[in-house]
Amino acid sequence: MTFTVQQFQALLPLVITCATSVLVMLSIAWRRHHAFNTLVCMLGLNAALVSVYFAAQVGPQAVTPLFIVDGYSLFFTGLILAAGLASVTLINTYIDSFKYNREEMYLLMTIATAGGIVMASAHHFASLFIGLELLSVSLFGLVGYSFHRPRALEAAIKYLVLSATASAVLLFGIALIYSQFGSLAFSEIGPQLHEDARPIVLIGLAMLLIGLAFKLSLAPFHLWTPDVYEGAPAPVGAFLATAAKVAVFAVTVRFLLLEAIGALQIPAIFHTLAAIAIASILVGNLLALRQNNIKRILGYSSIAHFGYLLVLLLTGGPVFGVEGFAAYLTIYVVTSLSSFGVVTLMSKCGQDRDADQLHDLRGLFWRRPYLATLMTVSLLSLGGIPLTAGFIGKFYVIVAAMTFQSSWGWAMLAAIVAGSAVGIYFYLRVMVNLYLAKPGMHKFEAQLGWGQHTSGLMVLCASALVVYIGVYPETLMQLVQIAKAAGVQ
């Protein structure tokens, strides 16, 4: 086939991100210099983010049978790049005291970001699996990068074994679907799913959804999440909670809502996904109650939040379309970056663990009042409190469940209300620790000039966006219109 200039322009974000990976690799081979490699990585990701605008000028169009570049893919590509760039910014300060090789962390981060972009533009099971493996294999190395910590190695091994198992299940499901339809293209498989729902097709679709549910840490496929979040370096946890999950959810929504619309009309599939959504909301919030580790709390919180997103997928398609997912994911990404950013600013990779215990944050307001305020804002947003961005996202989910004409709608609404009430409790539990009296000297402390570093500025910007979106949501509503190009009309 011929590859035109317009197709090359449409793939610019992916091309620039891959080129950045190559440049970082070459710069490491030429000379190990932390600051220089950081600069190359950040310039490359910034250039890729800017190129999203130029890619939009030639879309929508299919670039080979594997990729489709439209408003939907470009919106989530931009969100993945922004999350990846924010995570790299956090890494710069976090890994500065690490006495081993530091530069490869940027290489793995750019490769993982490229895998996420591939998934956001995937229009074919082959590109889905390639993007998923690019992302997953890079995360194996990132999770275990601080290998001097026993928990980091444990987390990396758990994620490696369980992720490989989930990928095998997903691949087998794809094989079963291919055996019936003779195609791997979403556009060819989607229209036939509802009409030809034979048992082998349902088994294949179920295995596909199990693999994706594992990557999204939906219950009951969530057991890896708290351990991996706790063991991974804090900036990697930020990337895992944001860019990695956004990429998987983006391709899931494209397949189920935009291509294989009939799949959600199959009773067995819909009932199973509804049960998974309710279980994720309840399990994520209830298991976070007794946690004393901030990263584990954020891990369980992510399980609940993607349960809310699954409710939006099942009930909100006719009401909000793609705009609802785009808005909720944007809010979730900004809020998660802010909360993980505060933990990162108080931690160093060279230490034996991160500042992720509740007692590490005790009395933070009396030592670093502005940093404690940023953490408070992000926790209020995760809890869905009004005047924060999280309230806007929770509003989308509740309205979608209330307007859904089914008994499942009321069951999901009850789970949302109960889960949100429990969630507010454990978020407040963390916030109270921030304002308690200082119990003495602390092992972990943020630098006095944390706000003058790029990582500190990133956290400040993320927290400012949380408040701005909560007060003036119109800007976000206009932005998510970009994703409507492939939305459900």
Foldseek 3Di string as FASTA:
>chain_A
DDADPLLCLLCQLLVLLVVLLVVLVVVVVVDQDLVVSLVSLLVSLVVSLVSLVRSAVSDQDAGPLFFTRALQLSLLLNQLSVLLSLLSQLLSVQAPPPPDRRSVLSSLSSQLSSLLSQLSGGQFVVSNLVSLCSNQVSLLCQQCVLVVAPLSPVLSVVSVVLLVVLSVLLVVLLVLLCVVQVGGGLQRSQVCCLVPVDPSNVSSVVSNVSSLCLLLLFPPNNVSQLSSLFRGQLSSNLSSLASSNSSSVSNVCCNPPQRNVSQCVPVVNVVVLLVSLLCQLVQLLVVLLPDFFQSSNVRSLSSNLVSLVSLCSNQVQVPQWVLLVSLSSSLSSLLSSLQSLLQSLFHHSNDNGTCGGLLSLAQQCVVPVVSLVSNLLSLCLSLLHALFSNVVSLVSSLVRLVPGPDPSSVVSNVSSVVSSVSSVVSSVVSSVRNRHHNPDDHPTDGDPVLCVRSSNVSSVVSSVNRNCCSVPVVVSSVSSVSSCRSIDD
